[in-house]
C-alpha atoms as a PDB file:
ATOM      1  CA  MET A   1       1.443  21.704  -1.533  1.00  0.00           C
ATOM      2  CA  SER A   2       3.868  20.786  -4.252  1.00  0.00           C
ATOM      3  CA  GLY A   3       5.299  18.049  -1.954  1.00  0.00           C
ATOM      4  CA  PHE A   4       2.065  16.298  -1.683  1.00  0.00           C
ATOM      5  CA  VAL A   5       1.496  16.553  -5.351  1.00  0.00           C
ATOM      6  CA  ASP A   6       4.885  15.260  -6.193  1.00  0.00           C
ATOM      7  CA  ARG A   7       4.233  12.321  -3.794  1.00  0.00           C
ATOM      8  CA  GLU A   8       1.069  11.656  -5.624  1.00  0.00           C
ATOM      9  CA  ASN A   9       2.624  11.956  -9.183  1.00  0.00           C
ATOM     10  CA  GLU A  10       5.335   9.491  -8.083  1.00  0.00           C
ATOM     11  CA  ILE A  11       2.633   6.869  -6.996  1.00  0.00           C
ATOM     12  CA  PHE A  12       0.807   7.237 -10.274  1.00  0.00           C
ATOM     13  CA  GLU A  13       3.842   6.673 -12.119  1.00  0.00           C
ATOM     14  CA  VAL A  14       4.633   3.541 -10.156  1.00  0.00           C
ATOM     15  CA  LEU A  15       1.260   2.031 -10.884  1.00  0.00           C
ATOM     16  CA  GLN A  16       1.727   3.157 -14.650  1.00  0.00           C
ATOM     17  CA  GLN A  17       5.034   1.265 -14.782  1.00  0.00           C
ATOM     18  CA  PHE A  18       3.342  -1.911 -12.985  1.00  0.00           C
ATOM     19  CA  LYS A  19       0.653  -1.868 -15.708  1.00  0.00           C
ATOM     20  CA  ALA A  20       3.288  -1.435 -18.471  1.00  0.00           C
ATOM     21  CA  GLU A  21       5.153  -4.525 -17.182  1.00  0.00           C
ATOM     22  CA  GLY A  22       2.006  -6.571 -17.300  1.00  0.00           C
ATOM     23  CA  LEU A  23       1.579  -6.957 -13.787  1.00  0.00           C
ATOM     24  CA  GLU A  24      -1.947  -7.615 -12.181  1.00  0.00           C
ATOM     25  CA  PHE A  25      -3.025  -5.808  -9.087  1.00  0.00           C
ATOM     26  CA  VAL A  26      -6.242  -4.287  -7.201  1.00  0.00           C
ATOM     27  CA  VAL A  27      -5.607  -0.863  -5.672  1.00  0.00           C
ATOM     28  CA  VAL A  28      -7.363  -0.783  -2.149  1.00  0.00           C
ATOM     29  CA  GLY A  29      -7.274   1.847   0.548  1.00  0.00           C
ATOM     30  CA  GLY A  30      -7.211   5.609  -0.308  1.00  0.00           C
ATOM     31  CA  TYR A  31      -6.626   5.521  -3.906  1.00  0.00           C
ATOM     32  CA  GLY A  32      -9.352   2.830  -4.319  1.00  0.00           C
ATOM     33  CA  VAL A  33     -11.687   5.289  -2.713  1.00  0.00           C
ATOM     34  CA  SER A  34     -10.205   8.110  -5.072  1.00  0.00           C
ATOM     35  CA  ALA A  35     -11.562   6.150  -8.092  1.00  0.00           C
ATOM     36  CA  TYR A  36     -15.132   6.945  -6.828  1.00  0.00           C
ATOM     37  CA  GLN A  37     -14.361  10.255  -4.679  1.00  0.00           C
ATOM     38  CA  HIS A  38     -11.253  12.083  -5.037  1.00  0.00           C
ATOM     39  CA  ARG A  39      -9.140  12.524  -1.764  1.00  0.00           C
ATOM     40  CA  PHE A  40      -5.410  12.761  -1.188  1.00  0.00           C
ATOM     41  CA  SER A  41      -3.626   9.668   0.279  1.00  0.00           C
ATOM     42  CA  VAL A  42      -0.392   9.246   1.812  1.00  0.00           C
ATOM     43  CA  ASP A  43       0.314   5.937   0.278  1.00  0.00           C
ATOM     44  CA  ALA A  44      -0.959   3.091  -2.053  1.00  0.00           C
ATOM     45  CA  ASP A  45      -2.195  -0.251  -0.909  1.00  0.00           C
ATOM     46  CA  LEU A  46      -2.122  -3.001  -3.552  1.00  0.00           C
ATOM     47  CA  VAL A  47      -3.381  -6.572  -3.339  1.00  0.00           C
ATOM     48  CA  VAL A  48      -1.046  -8.629  -5.376  1.00  0.00           C
ATOM     49  CA  GLN A  49      -0.210 -12.239  -6.229  1.00  0.00           C
ATOM     50  CA  SER A  50       2.651 -13.983  -4.589  1.00  0.00           C
ATOM     51  CA  ASP A  51       3.697 -15.359  -8.001  1.00  0.00           C
ATOM     52  CA  ASP A  52       4.270 -11.868  -9.205  1.00  0.00           C
ATOM     53  CA  LEU A  53       6.027 -10.396  -6.069  1.00  0.00           C
ATOM     54  CA  GLU A  54       9.459 -10.577  -7.382  1.00  0.00           C
ATOM     55  CA  GLU A  55       8.639  -8.429 -10.468  1.00  0.00           C
ATOM     56  CA  PHE A  56       6.767  -5.794  -8.280  1.00  0.00           C
ATOM     57  CA  THR A  57       9.702  -5.507  -5.934  1.00  0.00           C
ATOM     58  CA  GLN A  58      12.142  -5.250  -8.855  1.00  0.00           C
ATOM     59  CA  VAL A  59      10.273  -2.199 -10.219  1.00  0.00           C
ATOM     60  CA  LEU A  60      10.058  -0.581  -6.805  1.00  0.00           C
ATOM     61  CA  GLU A  61      13.787  -1.060  -6.322  1.00  0.00           C
ATOM     62  CA  GLU A  62      14.801   0.238  -9.568  1.00  0.00           C
ATOM     63  CA  ARG A  63      12.842   3.324  -8.719  1.00  0.00           C
ATOM     64  CA  GLY A  64      14.657   3.999  -5.503  1.00  0.00           C
ATOM     65  CA  PHE A  65      12.123   2.307  -3.079  1.00  0.00           C
ATOM     66  CA  GLU A  66      13.494   0.326  -0.043  1.00  0.00           C
ATOM     67  CA  LYS A  67      11.803  -2.190   2.016  1.00  0.00           C
ATOM     68  CA  ASP A  68      10.486  -0.701   5.260  1.00  0.00           C
ATOM     69  CA  THR A  69      10.654  -3.499   7.998  1.00  0.00           C
ATOM     70  CA  ASP A  70       9.429  -0.990  10.610  1.00  0.00           C
ATOM     71  CA  ARG A  71       6.315  -0.071   9.034  1.00  0.00           C
ATOM     72  CA  ASP A  72       3.159  -1.218  10.860  1.00  0.00           C
ATOM     73  CA  LEU A  73       0.051  -1.527   8.724  1.00  0.00           C
ATOM     74  CA  MET A  74      -3.539  -1.775   9.832  1.00  0.00           C
ATOM     75  CA  TYR A  75      -3.615  -5.132   7.914  1.00  0.00           C
ATOM     76  CA  SER A  76      -2.465  -8.510   9.137  1.00  0.00           C
ATOM     77  CA  GLY A  77      -1.308 -11.372   7.027  1.00  0.00           C
ATOM     78  CA  ARG A  78       1.743 -11.253   4.562  1.00  0.00           C
ATOM     79  CA  TYR A  79       2.560  -7.906   3.220  1.00  0.00           C
ATOM     80  CA  LEU A  80       5.539  -5.776   2.026  1.00  0.00           C
ATOM     81  CA  ALA A  81       6.081  -2.138   2.731  1.00  0.00           C
ATOM     82  CA  TYR A  82       8.354  -0.169   0.427  1.00  0.00           C
ATOM     83  CA  VAL A  83       9.285   3.659   1.001  1.00  0.00           C
ATOM     84  CA  LYS A  84      11.047   6.258  -1.081  1.00  0.00           C
ATOM     85  CA  ASP A  85      12.457   8.912   1.195  1.00  0.00           C
ATOM     86  CA  GLU A  86      12.309  12.352  -0.568  1.00  0.00           C
ATOM     87  CA  ALA A  87      11.070  15.646   0.647  1.00  0.00           C
ATOM     88  CA  LEU A  88       7.895  13.605   1.939  1.00  0.00           C
ATOM     89  CA  PRO A  89       8.197   9.777   1.864  1.00  0.00           C
ATOM     90  CA  VAL A  90       6.429   7.992  -0.899  1.00  0.00           C
ATOM     91  CA  THR A  91       4.986   4.502   0.387  1.00  0.00           C
ATOM     92  CA  ILE A  92       3.561   1.475  -1.545  1.00  0.00           C
ATOM     93  CA  ASP A  93       2.301  -1.493   0.472  1.00  0.00           C
ATOM     94  CA  LEU A  94       1.905  -4.878  -1.172  1.00  0.00           C
ATOM     95  CA  LEU A  95      -0.808  -6.991   0.284  1.00  0.00           C
ATOM     96  CA  VAL A  96       0.392 -10.522  -0.758  1.00  0.00           C
ATOM     97  CA  ASP A  97      -2.382 -12.990  -1.999  1.00  0.00           C
ATOM     98  CA  GLU A  98      -5.064 -11.567   0.414  1.00  0.00           C
ATOM     99  CA  LEU A  99      -6.215  -8.578   2.697  1.00  0.00           C
ATOM    100  CA  GLN A 100      -6.458  -9.579   6.101  1.00  0.00           C
ATOM    101  CA  CYS A 101      -8.103  -7.118   8.747  1.00  0.00           C
ATOM    102  CA  ARG A 102      -6.438  -7.222  12.186  1.00  0.00           C
ATOM    103  CA  GLN A 103      -9.520  -5.783  13.999  1.00  0.00           C
ATOM    104  CA  THR A 104     -11.871  -8.450  13.045  1.00  0.00           C
ATOM    105  CA  ASP A 105      -9.907 -11.283  11.733  1.00  0.00           C
ATOM    106  CA  ALA A 106     -11.706 -11.134   8.364  1.00  0.00           C
ATOM    107  CA  SER A 107      -9.723 -11.798   5.143  1.00  0.00           C
ATOM    108  CA  TRP A 108     -10.654 -11.361   1.441  1.00  0.00           C
ATOM    109  CA  SER A 109      -8.560 -13.150  -1.133  1.00  0.00           C
ATOM    110  CA  TYR A 110      -6.849 -11.494  -4.145  1.00  0.00           C
ATOM    111  CA  GLN A 111      -9.250 -13.709  -6.391  1.00  0.00           C
ATOM    112  CA  TYR A 112     -12.191 -12.365  -4.380  1.00  0.00           C
ATOM    113  CA  PHE A 113     -11.082  -8.802  -5.073  1.00  0.00           C
ATOM    114  CA  GLU A 114     -10.414  -9.657  -8.790  1.00  0.00           C
ATOM    115  CA  ASP A 115     -13.839 -11.106  -8.996  1.00  0.00           C
ATOM    116  CA  HIS A 116     -15.581  -7.963  -7.381  1.00  0.00           C
ATOM    117  CA  SER A 117     -13.335  -5.166  -9.110  1.00  0.00           C
ATOM    118  CA  VAL A 118     -13.844  -2.716 -11.867  1.00  0.00           C
ATOM    119  CA  GLU A 119     -11.451  -0.654 -13.945  1.00  0.00           C
ATOM    120  CA  LYS A 120     -11.721   3.012 -13.283  1.00  0.00           C
ATOM    121  CA  THR A 121      -9.710   6.121 -13.418  1.00  0.00           C
ATOM    122  CA  VAL A 122      -8.117   7.365 -10.429  1.00  0.00           C
ATOM    123  CA  GLU A 123      -7.783  11.292 -10.836  1.00  0.00           C
ATOM    124  CA  GLY A 124      -4.981  13.099  -9.136  1.00  0.00           C
ATOM    125  CA  SER A 125      -4.312  16.832  -8.907  1.00  0.00           C
ATOM    126  CA  GLU A 126      -1.928  16.606 -11.899  1.00  0.00           C
ATOM    127  CA  GLU A 127      -1.896  12.954 -13.312  1.00  0.00           C
ATOM    128  CA  SER A 128      -4.403  10.103 -13.448  1.00  0.00           C
ATOM    129  CA  VAL A 129      -4.064   6.325 -13.882  1.00  0.00           C
ATOM    130  CA  ARG A 130      -6.644   3.676 -14.927  1.00  0.00           C
ATOM    131  CA  VAL A 131      -6.462   0.697 -12.522  1.00  0.00           C
ATOM    132  CA  GLN A 132      -8.460  -2.113 -11.166  1.00  0.00           C
ATOM    133  CA  VAL A 133     -10.180  -1.095  -7.826  1.00  0.00           C
ATOM    134  CA  PRO A 134     -12.922  -2.868  -5.759  1.00  0.00           C
ATOM    135  CA  THR A 135     -16.459  -2.130  -6.303  1.00  0.00           C
ATOM    136  CA  GLU A 136     -18.001   0.456  -4.003  1.00  0.00           C
ATOM    137  CA  GLU A 137     -19.748  -2.162  -1.941  1.00  0.00           C
ATOM    138  CA  LEU A 138     -16.568  -4.319  -1.240  1.00  0.00           C
ATOM    139  CA  LEU A 139     -14.633  -1.036  -0.289  1.00  0.00           C
ATOM    140  CA  ILE A 140     -17.406  -0.206   2.172  1.00  0.00           C
ATOM    141  CA  ALA A 141     -17.377  -3.737   3.651  1.00  0.00           C
ATOM    142  CA  VAL A 142     -13.472  -3.735   4.233  1.00  0.00           C
ATOM    143  CA  LYS A 143     -13.564  -0.163   5.596  1.00  0.00           C
ATOM    144  CA  LEU A 144     -16.338  -0.927   7.970  1.00  0.00           C
ATOM    145  CA  HIS A 145     -14.149  -3.952   9.304  1.00  0.00           C
ATOM    146  CA  SER A 146     -11.226  -1.543   9.893  1.00  0.00           C
ATOM    147  CA  GLY A 147     -13.488   1.124  11.528  1.00  0.00           C
ATOM    148  CA  ARG A 148     -10.996   4.179  11.823  1.00  0.00           C
ATOM    149  CA  LEU A 149     -11.902   7.579  11.473  1.00  0.00           C
ATOM    150  CA  THR A 150     -10.432   7.598   7.891  1.00  0.00           C
ATOM    151  CA  ASP A 151     -12.529   4.433   7.127  1.00  0.00           C
ATOM    152  CA  ALA A 152     -15.696   6.018   8.455  1.00  0.00           C
ATOM    153  CA  ARG A 153     -15.047   9.271   6.316  1.00  0.00           C
ATOM    154  CA  ASP A 154     -14.520   7.045   3.103  1.00  0.00           C
ATOM    155  CA  VAL A 155     -17.704   4.905   3.816  1.00  0.00           C
ATOM    156  CA  VAL A 156     -19.887   8.033   4.077  1.00  0.00           C
ATOM    157  CA  ALA A 157     -18.361   9.350   0.756  1.00  0.00           C
ATOM    158  CA  LEU A 158     -18.969   5.882  -0.812  1.00  0.00           C
ATOM    159  CA  ILE A 159     -22.386   4.887   0.407  1.00  0.00           C
ATOM    160  CA  GLU A 160     -24.787   7.218  -1.454  1.00  0.00           C
ATOM    161  CA  ASP A 161     -25.352   4.842  -4.328  1.00  0.00           C
ATOM    162  CA  ALA A 162     -24.169   1.558  -3.111  1.00  0.00           C
ATOM    163  CA  ASP A 163     -26.058  -1.527  -2.817  1.00  0.00           C
ATOM    164  CA  LEU A 164     -26.403  -2.293   0.731  1.00  0.00           C
ATOM    165  CA  GLU A 165     -27.408  -6.027   0.096  1.00  0.00           C
ATOM    166  CA  LYS A 166     -24.096  -6.500  -1.594  1.00  0.00           C
ATOM    167  CA  VAL A 167     -22.182  -4.792   1.101  1.00  0.00           C
ATOM    168  CA  GLU A 168     -23.784  -7.172   3.619  1.00  0.00           C
ATOM    169  CA  ASN A 169     -22.617 -10.204   1.400  1.00  0.00           C
ATOM    170  CA  HIS A 170     -19.059  -8.935   1.412  1.00  0.00           C
ATOM    171  CA  ILE A 171     -19.100  -7.911   5.137  1.00  0.00           C
ATOM    172  CA  HIS A 172     -20.147 -11.374   6.754  1.00  0.00           C
ATOM    173  CA  ARG A 173     -16.667 -12.953   7.405  1.00  0.00           C
ATOM    174  CA  GLY A 174     -14.071 -12.837  10.329  1.00  0.00           C
ATOM    175  CA  ASN A 175     -15.099 -12.638  14.050  1.00  0.00           C
ATOM    176  CA  GLN A 176     -18.731 -11.333  14.233  1.00  0.00           C
ATOM    177  CA  GLU A 177     -18.553 -10.184  17.948  1.00  0.00           C
ATOM    178  CA  LYS A 178     -15.349  -8.113  16.804  1.00  0.00           C
ATOM    179  CA  LEU A 179     -17.189  -6.902  13.937  1.00  0.00           C
ATOM    180  CA  ARG A 180     -20.099  -5.689  15.943  1.00  0.00           C
ATOM    181  CA  ARG A 181     -17.839  -3.776  18.244  1.00  0.00           C
ATOM    182  CA  VAL A 182     -16.015  -2.015  15.442  1.00  0.00           C
ATOM    183  CA  LEU A 183     -19.282  -1.098  13.726  1.00  0.00           C
ATOM    184  CA  GLU A 184     -20.399   0.426  17.022  1.00  0.00           C
ATOM    185  CA  ILE A 185     -17.287   2.570  16.864  1.00  0.00           C
ATOM    186  CA  VAL A 186     -17.971   3.762  13.507  1.00  0.00           C
ATOM    187  CA  GLN A 187     -21.485   4.542  14.522  1.00  0.00           C
ATOM    188  CA  GLN A 188     -20.157   6.769  17.335  1.00  0.00           C
ATOM    189  CA  THR A 189     -17.576   8.227  15.100  1.00  0.00           C
ATOM    190  CA  VAL A 190     -19.942   9.677  12.538  1.00  0.00           C
ATOM    191  CA  SER A 191     -22.175  11.080  15.331  1.00  0.00           C
ATOM    192  CA  ASP A 192     -19.411  12.882  16.942  1.00  0.00           C
ATOM    193  CA  SER A 193     -19.412  16.772  16.582  1.00  0.00           C
ATOM    194  CA  ASP A 194     -15.989  16.944  15.070  1.00  0.00           C
ATOM    195  CA  PHE A 195     -16.812  14.539  12.204  1.00  0.00           C
ATOM    196  CA  GLU A 196     -18.230  17.311  10.059  1.00  0.00           C
ATOM    197  CA  ASP A 197     -15.010  19.301   9.787  1.00  0.00           C
ATOM    198  CA  SER A 198     -12.963  16.109   9.462  1.00  0.00           C
ATOM    199  CA  PHE A 199     -14.949  15.042   6.394  1.00  0.00           C
ATOM    200  CA  LYS A 200     -15.239  18.364   4.813  1.00  0.00           C
ATOM    201  CA  GLY A 201     -11.457  18.800   4.910  1.00  0.00           C
ATOM    202  CA  VAL A 202     -10.434  15.551   3.434  1.00  0.00           C
ATOM    203  CA  PHE A 203     -13.069  15.647   0.722  1.00  0.00           C
ATOM    204  CA  SER A 204     -12.967  19.357   0.127  1.00  0.00           C
ATOM    205  CA  GLN A 205     -16.866  19.594   0.487  1.00  0.00           C
ATOM    206  CA  ASP A 206     -18.780  22.596   1.896  1.00  0.00           C
ATOM    207  CA  THR A 207     -21.287  20.659   3.577  1.00  0.00           C
ATOM    208  CA  LEU A 208     -21.652  17.205   5.376  1.00  0.00           C
ATOM    209  CA  PRO A 209     -23.737  14.648   3.403  1.00  0.00           C
ATOM    210  CA  GLU A 210     -26.293  14.076   6.031  1.00  0.00           C
ATOM    211  CA  GLN A 211     -28.465  11.616   3.965  1.00  0.00           C
ATOM    212  CA  GLN A 212     -25.326   9.494   3.430  1.00  0.00           C
ATOM    213  CA  ILE A 213     -24.624   9.513   7.072  1.00  0.00           C
ATOM    214  CA  HIS A 214     -28.280   8.560   7.840  1.00  0.00           C
ATOM    215  CA  ARG A 215     -27.971   5.659   5.407  1.00  0.00           C
ATOM    216  CA  LEU A 216     -24.707   4.395   7.092  1.00  0.00           C
ATOM    217  CA  GLN A 217     -26.278   4.590  10.561  1.00  0.00           C
ATOM    218  CA  GLU A 218     -29.386   2.635   9.435  1.00  0.00           C
ATOM    219  CA  PHE A 219     -27.191  -0.030   7.862  1.00  0.00           C
ATOM    220  CA  ILE A 220     -25.270  -0.470  11.056  1.00  0.00           C
ATOM    221  CA  GLN A 221     -28.278  -0.603  13.271  1.00  0.00           C
ATOM    222  CA  GLU A 222     -29.505  -3.487  11.048  1.00  0.00           C
ATOM    223  CA  MET A 223     -26.244  -5.295  11.316  1.00  0.00           C
ATOM    224  CA  THR A 224     -25.945  -4.900  15.091  1.00  0.00           C
END
């Protein structure tokens, strides 16, 4: 377990250094979710501005990170992936000027994230960092466009108090037919018998939040 904690600590220290350098960014992905519901993530995804890219990469390279040209992200658009190989690799992904979803062709600009973000503390096992993260509603919308198992788990964790009208406002972009198909996949995922163990394991919970799953299922039915 210490290897995972060391990896998390390294990511938190990088985020702290970005802040100390006065760099602006919005944390998305797993660490964005962790601002609301803690779970361990294997990498950090940041939406950044192209004007600041050189400063971001300089910090990473000074800390021993190297550009990973083979890394295949779930995103399309322009991005840079950096990895630091230790006992377990530490990865930082920089999404430049926007987040583009390859599953549905949807995109959200850096400015859109900035306009719909809040400052929150991301708590880790040993350290914490205060950063800008998307609102719950925007995180849910982005993850519903991606539609993987990890995204379905995250949406269930986030949806309890979310304003679903705001989610709907954020979600209407990209190819709507592709989005409909992805939403149907999410609907099937949360209905599968093995979803319960998967969710409880990732979020360290004893029970499955049935009401949150039901809320998500109703939302998807309305959307499709």
